[in-house]
Structure formats: C-alpha cells, structure tokens
Amino acid sequence: MCAVLAVLIAGAGAAAAAPTPLASTYDRLVTDDGWKIELRASELVVNPMSNIANSFASREGWVSARVGALVTPAAGRTPSQPVSSGVLEQFLVVGCQIDISDGATFGLGSSFGPNANVTISGQPGVSVGGSASVSPSISSKLKPGTINEISLGKKTLQTNRASIRAKRVHVRVDGCAGPVTVRVIVRLSVSTPTADDTLNLYSARMWL
C-alpha cells in the first residue's frame, strides 16, 4: 500500500507547469434541406499548474478554448426550409481515475467529503446539469472511472454565426489520487421544420 501511495504522490507532481496547445479541430455537414453547418474549435490550451496546497490528491490548472459556428446555404443549393433555431455549446469533460475522497483507500480520514470534487472558476454564468447558473464558480462531484461534462458556455444563434471564447478558466480537482484528464467538447445543433442536425467536435485529451 505504501508503494502504491508513493507512486501516486510522485505522479501528482509530474505534470509540466507550462501551457500545452492542442490542435484545432473542424468539421462540417450539409443538412437534408440544403444548409451547410460548420463547427470549429481553436485556441485550445491546457496548462497544468503546481497545486498550491502541495497535496498529492489535488490537481489544478487552466483551460482556454474558442469555438465558432457558421450556417450558410450549401454550394449549388437553395435551402428548402428556413432555420428555426441553432445552439452552440462548449463543454469541459473531466475524468478522475482513483477517488480517495472517503479516505478509506489510504487511511487518510474522511476530510475530503463524499466524492472527489471538481471546481471551475473564472467562467461566470455556467451551470451544472439542470441547476441554475452559478457565478463565479461551480462545483461538481466526480466518481472514479467516470467523466463529468461541465458547461463552459451556451450561445443561441441570432444570425448565421456565433462564437464562444473561454480564456484561462481555472480548474481544480480535489480528492483524486490517480490521473486527472480533461477534454473540450463542442456541439452545434441546428433545427428546421423538416430536419434536426447535431455536429460534435472533440479536442485531444490532456493530463491536468
């Protein structure tokens, strides 16, 4: 058990405290009624930081991303239906491998709480699940072996384009002894009277 704990402590400080740019992503599709919808994610950066509490069970860093959507008539086609609605969404997914929040694994007591916890700050007006918006930070519980999807912004298209930029959003994960990974997900949903289309993009995953 001590050997396992030593490995985890060593791994906790292994992340480089330097910004890591991630490759931009892009995709498009043509709807059945003649619209071309385009989705792009750029300015993707993950920056692990040294945990200020020097705890082997905590990780922190910041994440940046810019996402953009564009809806135009497909080449050579006149759309047969108007666009009724369009929604652009940006999410951060966070995964924890080993939850020690109950203290049972390493005999640490129960000071961590019922589950590993992730806190997002520096991004006001976001929400978790169906709860109301919270500012300036939000918290969510992490379970080992699962991922949490946390909103970093939602924009309803008022014209044929929209964008969301999240700059240096602070991410803190407590009560997780194993690796913590993050990924940015972007989603564009477009609806017409005759068709619903959803396009998703995924960044590379990155260690926090």
N, C-alpha and C. Protein backbone atom coordinates (compact mmCIF):
# COMPACT_ATOMS: atom_id res chain seq x y z
N MET A 1 0.82 -1.21 0.00
CA MET A 1 0.00 0.00 0.00
C MET A 1 0.86 1.26 0.00
N CYS A 2 1.95 1.23 0.81
CA CYS A 2 2.85 2.39 0.84
C CYS A 2 3.50 2.62 -0.51
N ALA A 3 3.83 1.51 -1.19
CA ALA A 3 4.45 1.65 -2.51
C ALA A 3 3.50 2.29 -3.49
N VAL A 4 2.22 1.87 -3.44
CA VAL A 4 1.21 2.46 -4.32
C VAL A 4 1.06 3.94 -4.03
N LEU A 5 1.02 4.29 -2.74
CA LEU A 5 0.88 5.69 -2.35
C LEU A 5 2.05 6.51 -2.84
N ALA A 6 3.27 5.96 -2.75
CA ALA A 6 4.46 6.68 -3.20
C ALA A 6 4.40 6.96 -4.69
N VAL A 7 3.92 5.96 -5.46
CA VAL A 7 3.80 6.16 -6.91
C VAL A 7 2.81 7.27 -7.22
N LEU A 8 1.69 7.29 -6.49
CA LEU A 8 0.68 8.30 -6.74
C LEU A 8 1.18 9.69 -6.39
N ILE A 9 1.94 9.79 -5.27
CA ILE A 9 2.48 11.09 -4.88
C ILE A 9 3.47 11.58 -5.92
N ALA A 10 4.31 10.68 -6.42
CA ALA A 10 5.27 11.06 -7.46
C ALA A 10 4.56 11.50 -8.73
N GLY A 11 3.48 10.79 -9.08
CA GLY A 11 2.74 11.13 -10.29
C GLY A 11 2.02 12.44 -10.19
N ALA A 12 1.66 12.82 -8.94
CA ALA A 12 0.91 14.06 -8.76
C ALA A 12 1.70 15.28 -9.17
N GLY A 13 3.04 15.22 -9.05
CA GLY A 13 3.84 16.38 -9.39
C GLY A 13 4.49 16.28 -10.74
N ALA A 14 4.08 15.28 -11.54
CA ALA A 14 4.77 15.04 -12.80
C ALA A 14 4.34 15.98 -13.92
N ALA A 15 3.15 16.57 -13.79
CA ALA A 15 2.65 17.41 -14.87
C ALA A 15 3.51 18.66 -15.02
N ALA A 16 3.84 19.00 -16.25
CA ALA A 16 4.64 20.18 -16.51
C ALA A 16 3.78 21.43 -16.36
N ALA A 17 4.29 22.40 -15.62
CA ALA A 17 3.53 23.64 -15.40
C ALA A 17 3.77 24.60 -16.55
N ALA A 18 3.40 24.20 -17.74
CA ALA A 18 3.57 25.03 -18.93
C ALA A 18 2.37 24.83 -19.84
N PRO A 19 1.92 25.89 -20.52
CA PRO A 19 0.76 25.75 -21.41
C PRO A 19 1.03 24.72 -22.51
N THR A 20 0.03 23.88 -22.77
CA THR A 20 0.14 22.88 -23.82
C THR A 20 -0.92 23.16 -24.89
N PRO A 21 -0.53 23.73 -26.03
CA PRO A 21 -1.50 23.97 -27.10
C PRO A 21 -2.00 22.64 -27.67
N LEU A 22 -3.28 22.58 -27.98
CA LEU A 22 -3.87 21.40 -28.61
C LEU A 22 -4.28 21.76 -30.03
N ALA A 23 -4.30 20.77 -30.89
CA ALA A 23 -4.62 21.00 -32.30
C ALA A 23 -6.05 21.51 -32.45
N SER A 24 -6.23 22.47 -33.35
CA SER A 24 -7.58 22.94 -33.69
C SER A 24 -8.34 21.82 -34.39
N THR A 25 -9.65 21.86 -34.27
CA THR A 25 -10.49 20.85 -34.92
C THR A 25 -11.60 21.54 -35.72
N TYR A 26 -12.05 20.86 -36.78
CA TYR A 26 -13.06 21.45 -37.66
C TYR A 26 -13.87 20.32 -38.30
N ASP A 27 -15.16 20.59 -38.49
CA ASP A 27 -15.99 19.64 -39.22
C ASP A 27 -17.18 20.40 -39.80
N ARG A 28 -17.83 19.78 -40.78
CA ARG A 28 -18.99 20.39 -41.42
C ARG A 28 -19.91 19.30 -41.93
N LEU A 29 -21.14 19.68 -42.19
CA LEU A 29 -22.07 18.76 -42.84
C LEU A 29 -23.12 19.57 -43.59
N VAL A 30 -23.78 18.92 -44.53
CA VAL A 30 -24.88 19.53 -45.28
C VAL A 30 -26.16 18.86 -44.85
N THR A 31 -27.11 19.67 -44.42
CA THR A 31 -28.38 19.12 -43.94
C THR A 31 -29.23 18.64 -45.11
N ASP A 32 -30.25 17.86 -44.81
CA ASP A 32 -31.12 17.31 -45.85
C ASP A 32 -31.87 18.40 -46.60
N ASP A 33 -32.08 19.55 -45.93
CA ASP A 33 -32.82 20.61 -46.61
C ASP A 33 -31.92 21.73 -47.14
N GLY A 34 -30.60 21.45 -47.28
CA GLY A 34 -29.75 22.34 -48.06
C GLY A 34 -28.91 23.35 -47.32
N TRP A 35 -28.73 23.21 -45.99
CA TRP A 35 -27.86 24.12 -45.24
C TRP A 35 -26.51 23.47 -44.97
N LYS A 36 -25.45 24.25 -45.08
CA LYS A 36 -24.13 23.78 -44.65
C LYS A 36 -23.86 24.34 -43.26
N ILE A 37 -23.60 23.45 -42.31
CA ILE A 37 -23.27 23.90 -40.96
C ILE A 37 -21.81 23.55 -40.68
N GLU A 38 -21.10 24.54 -40.15
CA GLU A 38 -19.67 24.38 -39.89
C GLU A 38 -19.38 24.64 -38.41
N LEU A 39 -18.44 23.88 -37.88
CA LEU A 39 -18.09 23.98 -36.46
C LEU A 39 -16.57 23.91 -36.34
N ARG A 40 -16.01 24.84 -35.57
CA ARG A 40 -14.56 24.90 -35.41
C ARG A 40 -14.20 25.17 -33.95
N ALA A 41 -13.15 24.51 -33.47
CA ALA A 41 -12.59 24.77 -32.13
C ALA A 41 -11.12 25.12 -32.30
N SER A 42 -10.71 26.26 -31.74
CA SER A 42 -9.33 26.71 -31.88
C SER A 42 -8.89 27.35 -30.56
N GLU A 43 -7.65 27.85 -30.53
CA GLU A 43 -7.09 28.45 -29.32
C GLU A 43 -7.21 27.51 -28.13
N LEU A 44 -7.06 26.22 -28.39
CA LEU A 44 -7.19 25.20 -27.34
C LEU A 44 -5.87 25.07 -26.58
N VAL A 45 -5.92 25.35 -25.28
CA VAL A 45 -4.73 25.28 -24.44
C VAL A 45 -5.10 24.69 -23.09
N VAL A 46 -4.27 23.76 -22.60
CA VAL A 46 -4.40 23.25 -21.23
C VAL A 46 -3.09 23.52 -20.50
N ASN A 47 -3.18 24.15 -19.34
CA ASN A 47 -1.98 24.49 -18.57
C ASN A 47 -2.06 23.90 -17.16
N PRO A 48 -1.47 22.70 -16.94
CA PRO A 48 -1.40 22.19 -15.56
C PRO A 48 -0.55 23.11 -14.71
N MET A 49 -0.95 23.30 -13.45
CA MET A 49 -0.19 24.14 -12.54
C MET A 49 0.15 23.36 -11.28
N SER A 50 1.24 23.74 -10.63
CA SER A 50 1.60 23.12 -9.35
C SER A 50 0.49 23.41 -8.34
N ASN A 51 0.03 22.37 -7.67
CA ASN A 51 -1.03 22.53 -6.70
C ASN A 51 -0.54 23.36 -5.51
N ILE A 52 -1.24 24.44 -5.21
CA ILE A 52 -0.77 25.37 -4.18
C ILE A 52 -0.78 24.75 -2.79
N ALA A 53 -1.60 23.71 -2.58
CA ALA A 53 -1.65 23.04 -1.28
C ALA A 53 -0.63 21.92 -1.16
N ASN A 54 0.10 21.64 -2.25
CA ASN A 54 1.08 20.56 -2.27
C ASN A 54 0.46 19.22 -1.86
N SER A 55 -0.77 18.99 -2.28
CA SER A 55 -1.48 17.75 -1.95
C SER A 55 -1.39 16.77 -3.11
N PHE A 56 -1.05 15.52 -2.80
CA PHE A 56 -0.99 14.50 -3.85
C PHE A 56 -2.37 14.17 -4.39
N ALA A 57 -3.43 14.56 -3.68
CA ALA A 57 -4.79 14.24 -4.09
C ALA A 57 -5.50 15.41 -4.74
N SER A 58 -4.75 16.45 -5.12
CA SER A 58 -5.35 17.62 -5.76
C SER A 58 -4.60 17.96 -7.04
N ARG A 59 -5.34 18.44 -8.03
CA ARG A 59 -4.77 18.91 -9.29
C ARG A 59 -5.39 20.27 -9.60
N GLU A 60 -4.64 21.12 -10.27
CA GLU A 60 -5.24 22.37 -10.74
C GLU A 60 -4.53 22.85 -11.99
N GLY A 61 -5.20 23.72 -12.71
CA GLY A 61 -4.65 24.27 -13.93
C GLY A 61 -5.69 25.16 -14.57
N TRP A 62 -5.42 25.59 -15.81
CA TRP A 62 -6.42 26.38 -16.54
C TRP A 62 -6.57 25.86 -17.96
N VAL A 63 -7.73 26.17 -18.52
CA VAL A 63 -8.09 25.71 -19.86
C VAL A 63 -8.61 26.89 -20.66
N SER A 64 -8.18 26.99 -21.92
CA SER A 64 -8.69 28.02 -22.82
C SER A 64 -9.21 27.38 -24.10
N ALA A 65 -10.23 27.98 -24.70
CA ALA A 65 -10.76 27.48 -25.97
C ALA A 65 -11.63 28.56 -26.62
N ARG A 66 -11.63 28.56 -27.95
CA ARG A 66 -12.56 29.38 -28.71
C ARG A 66 -13.29 28.47 -29.68
N VAL A 67 -14.61 28.58 -29.72
CA VAL A 67 -15.39 27.74 -30.62
C VAL A 67 -16.27 28.65 -31.47
N GLY A 68 -16.48 28.26 -32.71
CA GLY A 68 -17.28 29.07 -33.62
C GLY A 68 -18.18 28.22 -34.50
N ALA A 69 -19.33 28.76 -34.86
CA ALA A 69 -20.29 28.06 -35.71
C ALA A 69 -20.72 28.97 -36.85
N LEU A 70 -21.00 28.38 -38.00
CA LEU A 70 -21.44 29.13 -39.18
C LEU A 70 -22.48 28.30 -39.93
N VAL A 71 -23.58 28.94 -40.31
CA VAL A 71 -24.63 28.28 -41.07
C VAL A 71 -24.85 29.06 -42.36
N THR A 72 -24.66 28.41 -43.51
CA THR A 72 -24.81 29.05 -44.82
C THR A 72 -25.49 28.09 -45.79
N PRO A 73 -26.07 28.60 -46.88
CA PRO A 73 -26.62 27.69 -47.89
C PRO A 73 -25.51 26.82 -48.49
N ALA A 74 -25.80 25.56 -48.67
CA ALA A 74 -24.82 24.66 -49.28
C ALA A 74 -24.56 25.07 -50.72
N ALA A 75 -23.34 24.83 -51.20
CA ALA A 75 -22.95 25.21 -52.55
C ALA A 75 -23.89 24.60 -53.59
N GLY A 76 -24.40 25.44 -54.46
CA GLY A 76 -25.25 24.96 -55.55
C GLY A 76 -26.67 24.61 -55.14
N ARG A 77 -27.05 24.93 -53.90
CA ARG A 77 -28.39 24.57 -53.43
C ARG A 77 -29.09 25.77 -52.84
N THR A 78 -30.39 25.80 -53.00
CA THR A 78 -31.22 26.78 -52.31
C THR A 78 -31.97 26.03 -51.21
N PRO A 79 -31.71 26.34 -49.94
CA PRO A 79 -32.36 25.60 -48.85
C PRO A 79 -33.88 25.59 -49.00
N SER A 80 -34.45 24.42 -48.76
CA SER A 80 -35.90 24.26 -48.93
C SER A 80 -36.68 24.69 -47.70
N GLN A 81 -35.98 24.85 -46.55
CA GLN A 81 -36.64 25.26 -45.31
C GLN A 81 -35.78 26.28 -44.59
N PRO A 82 -36.40 27.19 -43.84
CA PRO A 82 -35.61 28.14 -43.05
C PRO A 82 -35.08 27.48 -41.77
N VAL A 83 -34.03 28.05 -41.22
CA VAL A 83 -33.51 27.56 -39.93
C VAL A 83 -34.39 28.10 -38.81
N SER A 84 -34.93 27.19 -38.02
CA SER A 84 -35.80 27.59 -36.90
C SER A 84 -34.98 27.98 -35.67
N SER A 85 -33.89 27.25 -35.41
CA SER A 85 -33.07 27.54 -34.25
C SER A 85 -31.69 26.92 -34.42
N GLY A 86 -30.73 27.50 -33.71
CA GLY A 86 -29.38 26.98 -33.70
C GLY A 86 -28.76 27.26 -32.34
N VAL A 87 -28.05 26.28 -31.79
CA VAL A 87 -27.44 26.43 -30.46
C VAL A 87 -26.00 25.94 -30.51
N LEU A 88 -25.08 26.78 -30.06
CA LEU A 88 -23.67 26.42 -29.95
C LEU A 88 -23.34 26.20 -28.48
N GLU A 89 -22.69 25.08 -28.16
CA GLU A 89 -22.35 24.76 -26.77
C GLU A 89 -20.90 24.34 -26.67
N GLN A 90 -20.29 24.69 -25.54
CA GLN A 90 -18.92 24.31 -25.26
C GLN A 90 -18.87 23.65 -23.88
N PHE A 91 -18.20 22.49 -23.79
CA PHE A 91 -18.13 21.75 -22.54
C PHE A 91 -16.69 21.40 -22.20
N LEU A 92 -16.44 21.23 -20.92
CA LEU A 92 -15.19 20.64 -20.44
C LEU A 92 -15.55 19.32 -19.78
N VAL A 93 -14.91 18.24 -20.21
CA VAL A 93 -15.12 16.95 -19.54
C VAL A 93 -13.90 16.65 -18.69
N VAL A 94 -14.13 16.18 -17.48
CA VAL A 94 -13.07 15.92 -16.51
C VAL A 94 -13.23 14.50 -16.00
N GLY A 95 -12.14 13.75 -16.00
CA GLY A 95 -12.17 12.37 -15.53
C GLY A 95 -11.17 12.14 -14.42
N CYS A 96 -11.58 11.38 -13.40
CA CYS A 96 -10.72 11.02 -12.27
C CYS A 96 -10.61 9.50 -12.21
N GLN A 97 -9.37 8.98 -12.16
CA GLN A 97 -9.20 7.53 -12.18
C GLN A 97 -9.40 6.89 -10.82
N ILE A 98 -8.83 7.49 -9.76
CA ILE A 98 -8.88 6.87 -8.43
C ILE A 98 -9.42 7.87 -7.43
N ASP A 99 -10.64 7.63 -6.96
CA ASP A 99 -11.27 8.51 -5.98
C ASP A 99 -10.90 8.04 -4.57
N ILE A 100 -10.22 8.89 -3.80
CA ILE A 100 -9.90 8.54 -2.42
C ILE A 100 -10.59 9.50 -1.45
N SER A 101 -11.68 10.12 -1.91
CA SER A 101 -12.30 11.16 -1.11
C SER A 101 -12.86 10.66 0.21
N ASP A 102 -13.19 9.34 0.30
CA ASP A 102 -13.72 8.85 1.56
C ASP A 102 -12.61 8.48 2.53
N GLY A 103 -11.34 8.58 2.09
CA GLY A 103 -10.21 8.31 2.96
C GLY A 103 -9.94 6.85 3.21
N ALA A 104 -10.81 5.97 2.72
CA ALA A 104 -10.69 4.55 3.05
C ALA A 104 -9.47 3.90 2.41
N THR A 105 -9.13 4.33 1.19
CA THR A 105 -8.07 3.66 0.44
C THR A 105 -6.72 3.74 1.13
N PHE A 106 -6.39 4.91 1.67
CA PHE A 106 -5.07 5.10 2.25
C PHE A 106 -5.12 5.46 3.72
N GLY A 107 -6.28 5.28 4.36
CA GLY A 107 -6.39 5.58 5.77
C GLY A 107 -6.17 7.05 6.09
N LEU A 108 -6.70 7.93 5.26
CA LEU A 108 -6.44 9.36 5.42
C LEU A 108 -7.52 10.07 6.22
N GLY A 109 -8.51 9.35 6.71
CA GLY A 109 -9.63 10.02 7.34
C GLY A 109 -10.65 10.40 6.29
N SER A 110 -11.68 11.13 6.67
CA SER A 110 -12.77 11.43 5.75
C SER A 110 -12.91 12.92 5.48
N SER A 111 -11.79 13.64 5.47
CA SER A 111 -11.87 15.08 5.34
C SER A 111 -12.19 15.54 3.93
N PHE A 112 -12.07 14.65 2.92
CA PHE A 112 -12.28 15.06 1.54
C PHE A 112 -13.75 15.21 1.18
N GLY A 113 -14.64 14.52 1.90
CA GLY A 113 -16.05 14.58 1.54
C GLY A 113 -16.48 13.30 0.83
N PRO A 114 -17.73 13.24 0.33
CA PRO A 114 -18.27 12.00 -0.20
C PRO A 114 -17.72 11.58 -1.55
N ASN A 115 -17.24 12.50 -2.35
CA ASN A 115 -16.70 12.18 -3.67
C ASN A 115 -15.58 13.15 -4.01
N ALA A 116 -14.72 12.73 -4.94
CA ALA A 116 -13.77 13.69 -5.49
C ALA A 116 -14.55 14.86 -6.08
N ASN A 117 -13.97 16.02 -6.05
CA ASN A 117 -14.71 17.23 -6.41
C ASN A 117 -13.94 18.05 -7.44
N VAL A 118 -14.64 18.55 -8.45
CA VAL A 118 -14.03 19.46 -9.43
C VAL A 118 -14.70 20.82 -9.31
N THR A 119 -13.89 21.87 -9.30
CA THR A 119 -14.38 23.24 -9.21
C THR A 119 -13.89 24.03 -10.41
N ILE A 120 -14.80 24.73 -11.07
CA ILE A 120 -14.48 25.56 -12.22
C ILE A 120 -14.74 27.01 -11.84
N SER A 121 -13.75 27.87 -12.03
CA SER A 121 -13.95 29.29 -11.74
C SER A 121 -13.34 30.12 -12.85
N GLY A 122 -13.68 31.41 -12.86
CA GLY A 122 -13.22 32.27 -13.94
C GLY A 122 -14.08 32.16 -15.17
N GLN A 123 -15.25 31.53 -15.04
CA GLN A 123 -16.17 31.39 -16.16
C GLN A 123 -17.58 31.61 -15.63
N PRO A 124 -17.99 32.85 -15.39
CA PRO A 124 -19.29 33.13 -14.78
C PRO A 124 -20.45 32.74 -15.67
N GLY A 125 -21.55 32.41 -15.01
CA GLY A 125 -22.78 32.16 -15.74
C GLY A 125 -22.92 30.76 -16.29
N VAL A 126 -22.04 29.82 -15.90
CA VAL A 126 -22.20 28.45 -16.38
C VAL A 126 -23.05 27.67 -15.40
N SER A 127 -23.44 26.47 -15.78
CA SER A 127 -24.31 25.67 -14.92
C SER A 127 -23.92 24.22 -14.99
N VAL A 128 -24.30 23.47 -13.97
CA VAL A 128 -24.08 22.03 -13.92
C VAL A 128 -25.41 21.32 -14.07
N GLY A 129 -25.54 20.47 -15.07
CA GLY A 129 -26.78 19.73 -15.25
C GLY A 129 -27.95 20.67 -15.41
N GLY A 130 -29.03 20.39 -14.68
CA GLY A 130 -30.23 21.21 -14.79
C GLY A 130 -30.29 22.31 -13.76
N SER A 131 -29.20 22.53 -13.01
CA SER A 131 -29.24 23.54 -11.96
C SER A 131 -29.16 24.94 -12.56
N ALA A 132 -29.48 25.92 -11.74
CA ALA A 132 -29.42 27.30 -12.19
C ALA A 132 -27.97 27.73 -12.38
N SER A 133 -27.79 28.81 -13.11
CA SER A 133 -26.44 29.33 -13.34
C SER A 133 -25.82 29.78 -12.03
N VAL A 134 -24.52 29.58 -11.91
CA VAL A 134 -23.79 29.94 -10.72
C VAL A 134 -22.59 30.77 -11.11
N SER A 135 -22.32 31.82 -10.37
CA SER A 135 -21.17 32.68 -10.67
C SER A 135 -20.56 33.13 -9.35
N PRO A 136 -19.22 33.16 -9.22
CA PRO A 136 -18.24 33.00 -10.30
C PRO A 136 -17.66 31.59 -10.43
N SER A 137 -18.13 30.61 -9.64
CA SER A 137 -17.56 29.29 -9.77
C SER A 137 -18.64 28.24 -9.61
N ILE A 138 -18.34 27.03 -10.09
CA ILE A 138 -19.26 25.91 -9.94
C ILE A 138 -18.48 24.72 -9.42
N SER A 139 -19.20 23.78 -8.79
CA SER A 139 -18.58 22.57 -8.29
C SER A 139 -19.40 21.37 -8.73
N SER A 140 -18.74 20.25 -8.90
CA SER A 140 -19.42 19.04 -9.29
C SER A 140 -18.67 17.85 -8.71
N LYS A 141 -19.39 16.78 -8.39
CA LYS A 141 -18.77 15.59 -7.82
C LYS A 141 -18.28 14.67 -8.92
N LEU A 142 -17.10 14.09 -8.68
CA LEU A 142 -16.51 13.13 -9.62
C LEU A 142 -16.53 11.74 -9.00
N LYS A 143 -16.90 10.76 -9.80
CA LYS A 143 -16.82 9.37 -9.36
C LYS A 143 -15.72 8.68 -10.15
N PRO A 144 -14.98 7.76 -9.51
CA PRO A 144 -13.87 7.11 -10.21
C PRO A 144 -14.34 6.33 -11.42
N GLY A 145 -13.56 6.42 -12.49
CA GLY A 145 -13.88 5.68 -13.70
C GLY A 145 -14.97 6.31 -14.55
N THR A 146 -15.46 7.49 -14.17
CA THR A 146 -16.48 8.18 -14.97
C THR A 146 -15.98 9.58 -15.30
N ILE A 147 -16.69 10.26 -16.18
CA ILE A 147 -16.33 11.64 -16.52
C ILE A 147 -17.52 12.55 -16.27
N ASN A 148 -17.20 13.80 -15.96
CA ASN A 148 -18.23 14.82 -15.78
C ASN A 148 -18.15 15.81 -16.93
N GLU A 149 -19.30 16.19 -17.43
CA GLU A 149 -19.39 17.17 -18.51
C GLU A 149 -19.92 18.48 -17.94
N ILE A 150 -19.09 19.53 -18.01
CA ILE A 150 -19.41 20.82 -17.38
C ILE A 150 -19.47 21.89 -18.45
N SER A 151 -20.54 22.67 -18.44
CA SER A 151 -20.74 23.69 -19.46
C SER A 151 -19.75 24.83 -19.30
N LEU A 152 -19.12 25.24 -20.42
CA LEU A 152 -18.28 26.43 -20.46
C LEU A 152 -18.93 27.54 -21.30
N GLY A 153 -20.17 27.34 -21.67
CA GLY A 153 -20.86 28.38 -22.44
C GLY A 153 -21.89 27.80 -23.37
N LYS A 154 -22.96 28.55 -23.57
CA LYS A 154 -24.04 28.15 -24.47
C LYS A 154 -24.56 29.40 -25.16
N LYS A 155 -24.61 29.36 -26.48
CA LYS A 155 -24.98 30.54 -27.26
C LYS A 155 -26.03 30.18 -28.30
N THR A 156 -27.18 30.86 -28.24
CA THR A 156 -28.21 30.68 -29.25
C THR A 156 -27.89 31.57 -30.44
N LEU A 157 -27.91 31.01 -31.65
CA LEU A 157 -27.58 31.78 -32.85
C LEU A 157 -28.69 32.80 -33.13
N GLN A 158 -28.30 34.07 -33.18
CA GLN A 158 -29.22 35.14 -33.56
C GLN A 158 -29.08 35.49 -35.03
N THR A 159 -27.92 35.19 -35.61
CA THR A 159 -27.67 35.36 -37.04
C THR A 159 -27.17 34.01 -37.56
N ASN A 160 -26.41 34.02 -38.64
CA ASN A 160 -25.93 32.74 -39.18
C ASN A 160 -24.60 32.32 -38.57
N ARG A 161 -24.11 33.04 -37.55
CA ARG A 161 -22.85 32.68 -36.93
C ARG A 161 -22.87 32.99 -35.44
N ALA A 162 -21.98 32.31 -34.70
CA ALA A 162 -21.85 32.56 -33.26
C ALA A 162 -20.51 32.02 -32.81
N SER A 163 -20.02 32.55 -31.69
CA SER A 163 -18.76 32.06 -31.13
C SER A 163 -18.79 32.16 -29.62
N ILE A 164 -17.95 31.34 -28.98
CA ILE A 164 -17.78 31.35 -27.53
C ILE A 164 -16.28 31.25 -27.26
N ARG A 165 -15.76 32.16 -26.46
CA ARG A 165 -14.35 32.08 -26.07
C ARG A 165 -14.27 31.99 -24.54
N ALA A 166 -13.56 31.00 -24.05
CA ALA A 166 -13.30 30.83 -22.63
C ALA A 166 -11.79 30.92 -22.43
N LYS A 167 -11.33 31.93 -21.72
CA LYS A 167 -9.90 32.21 -21.59
C LYS A 167 -9.43 31.93 -20.16
N ARG A 168 -8.49 31.02 -20.03
CA ARG A 168 -7.86 30.68 -18.75
C ARG A 168 -8.90 30.38 -17.66
N VAL A 169 -9.77 29.46 -17.94
CA VAL A 169 -10.75 29.01 -16.96
C VAL A 169 -10.05 28.11 -15.94
N HIS A 170 -10.13 28.47 -14.68
CA HIS A 170 -9.43 27.72 -13.62
C HIS A 170 -10.17 26.42 -13.31
N VAL A 171 -9.41 25.33 -13.26
CA VAL A 171 -9.97 24.01 -12.95
C VAL A 171 -9.22 23.44 -11.75
N ARG A 172 -9.96 23.02 -10.73
CA ARG A 172 -9.34 22.39 -9.56
C ARG A 172 -10.06 21.09 -9.24
N VAL A 173 -9.30 20.03 -9.05
CA VAL A 173 -9.86 18.72 -8.71
C VAL A 173 -9.25 18.30 -7.38
N ASP A 174 -10.10 17.98 -6.40
CA ASP A 174 -9.66 17.54 -5.08
C ASP A 174 -10.18 16.14 -4.79
N GLY A 175 -9.39 15.38 -4.04
CA GLY A 175 -9.82 14.04 -3.63
C GLY A 175 -9.61 12.99 -4.69
N CYS A 176 -8.69 13.24 -5.63
CA CYS A 176 -8.41 12.26 -6.68
C CYS A 176 -6.92 11.97 -6.67
N ALA A 177 -6.55 10.71 -6.36
CA ALA A 177 -5.14 10.35 -6.27
C ALA A 177 -4.58 9.90 -7.60
N GLY A 178 -5.42 9.39 -8.48
CA GLY A 178 -4.95 8.92 -9.78
C GLY A 178 -4.90 10.03 -10.80
N PRO A 179 -4.60 9.70 -12.06
CA PRO A 179 -4.54 10.71 -13.12
C PRO A 179 -5.87 11.43 -13.32
N VAL A 180 -5.79 12.71 -13.63
CA VAL A 180 -6.97 13.52 -13.98
C VAL A 180 -6.78 13.99 -15.42
N THR A 181 -7.77 13.75 -16.26
CA THR A 181 -7.68 14.17 -17.65
C THR A 181 -8.85 15.10 -17.98
N VAL A 182 -8.59 15.99 -18.95
CA VAL A 182 -9.63 16.93 -19.39
C VAL A 182 -9.70 16.91 -20.91
N ARG A 183 -10.86 17.27 -21.42
CA ARG A 183 -11.07 17.35 -22.86
C ARG A 183 -12.16 18.39 -23.13
N VAL A 184 -12.01 19.17 -24.20
CA VAL A 184 -13.02 20.15 -24.60
C VAL A 184 -13.92 19.51 -25.66
N ILE A 185 -15.23 19.66 -25.47
CA ILE A 185 -16.22 19.17 -26.44
C ILE A 185 -17.05 20.35 -26.92
N VAL A 186 -17.29 20.40 -28.22
CA VAL A 186 -18.10 21.47 -28.82
C VAL A 186 -19.27 20.84 -29.56
N ARG A 187 -20.44 21.46 -29.44
CA ARG A 187 -21.64 20.91 -30.06
C ARG A 187 -22.44 22.01 -30.73
N LEU A 188 -22.88 21.76 -31.95
CA LEU A 188 -23.75 22.68 -32.68
C LEU A 188 -25.01 21.93 -33.09
N SER A 189 -26.14 22.45 -32.66
CA SER A 189 -27.43 21.86 -33.01
C SER A 189 -28.23 22.85 -33.84
N VAL A 190 -28.70 22.40 -35.00
CA VAL A 190 -29.47 23.26 -35.91
C VAL A 190 -30.78 22.55 -36.24
N SER A 191 -31.86 23.31 -36.20
CA SER A 191 -33.19 22.73 -36.45
C SER A 191 -33.93 23.54 -37.51
N THR A 192 -34.61 22.82 -38.39
CA THR A 192 -35.52 23.41 -39.37
C THR A 192 -36.86 22.71 -39.21
N PRO A 193 -37.91 23.15 -39.91
CA PRO A 193 -39.19 22.45 -39.81
C PRO A 193 -39.14 20.98 -40.23
N THR A 194 -38.13 20.59 -41.00
CA THR A 194 -38.09 19.21 -41.50
C THR A 194 -36.88 18.40 -41.06
N ALA A 195 -35.91 19.03 -40.39
CA ALA A 195 -34.69 18.29 -40.03
C ALA A 195 -34.05 18.85 -38.77
N ASP A 196 -33.44 17.95 -38.01
CA ASP A 196 -32.62 18.30 -36.85
C ASP A 196 -31.23 17.72 -37.08
N ASP A 197 -30.20 18.54 -36.95
CA ASP A 197 -28.83 18.09 -37.15
C ASP A 197 -27.96 18.54 -35.98
N THR A 198 -27.08 17.65 -35.54
CA THR A 198 -26.15 17.95 -34.45
C THR A 198 -24.74 17.55 -34.87
N LEU A 199 -23.81 18.46 -34.68
CA LEU A 199 -22.41 18.24 -35.03
C LEU A 199 -21.58 18.38 -33.77
N ASN A 200 -20.66 17.43 -33.52
CA ASN A 200 -19.83 17.44 -32.32
C ASN A 200 -18.36 17.42 -32.69
N LEU A 201 -17.55 18.14 -31.93
CA LEU A 201 -16.09 18.12 -32.07
C LEU A 201 -15.47 17.80 -30.72
N TYR A 202 -14.32 17.12 -30.75
CA TYR A 202 -13.63 16.73 -29.53
C TYR A 202 -12.16 17.12 -29.63
N SER A 203 -11.64 17.77 -28.62
CA SER A 203 -10.21 18.05 -28.59
C SER A 203 -9.46 16.79 -28.14
N ALA A 204 -8.15 16.81 -28.30
CA ALA A 204 -7.34 15.74 -27.70
C ALA A 204 -7.47 15.82 -26.19
N ARG A 205 -7.30 14.70 -25.51
CA ARG A 205 -7.33 14.75 -24.05
C ARG A 205 -5.95 15.19 -23.54
N MET A 206 -5.97 15.76 -22.32
CA MET A 206 -4.74 16.27 -21.75
C MET A 206 -4.74 16.02 -20.26
N TRP A 207 -3.57 15.67 -19.71
CA TRP A 207 -3.44 15.47 -18.26
C TRP A 207 -3.46 16.81 -17.55
N LEU A 208 -4.14 16.86 -16.42
CA LEU A 208 -4.16 18.07 -15.61
C LEU A 208 -3.12 17.94 -14.50
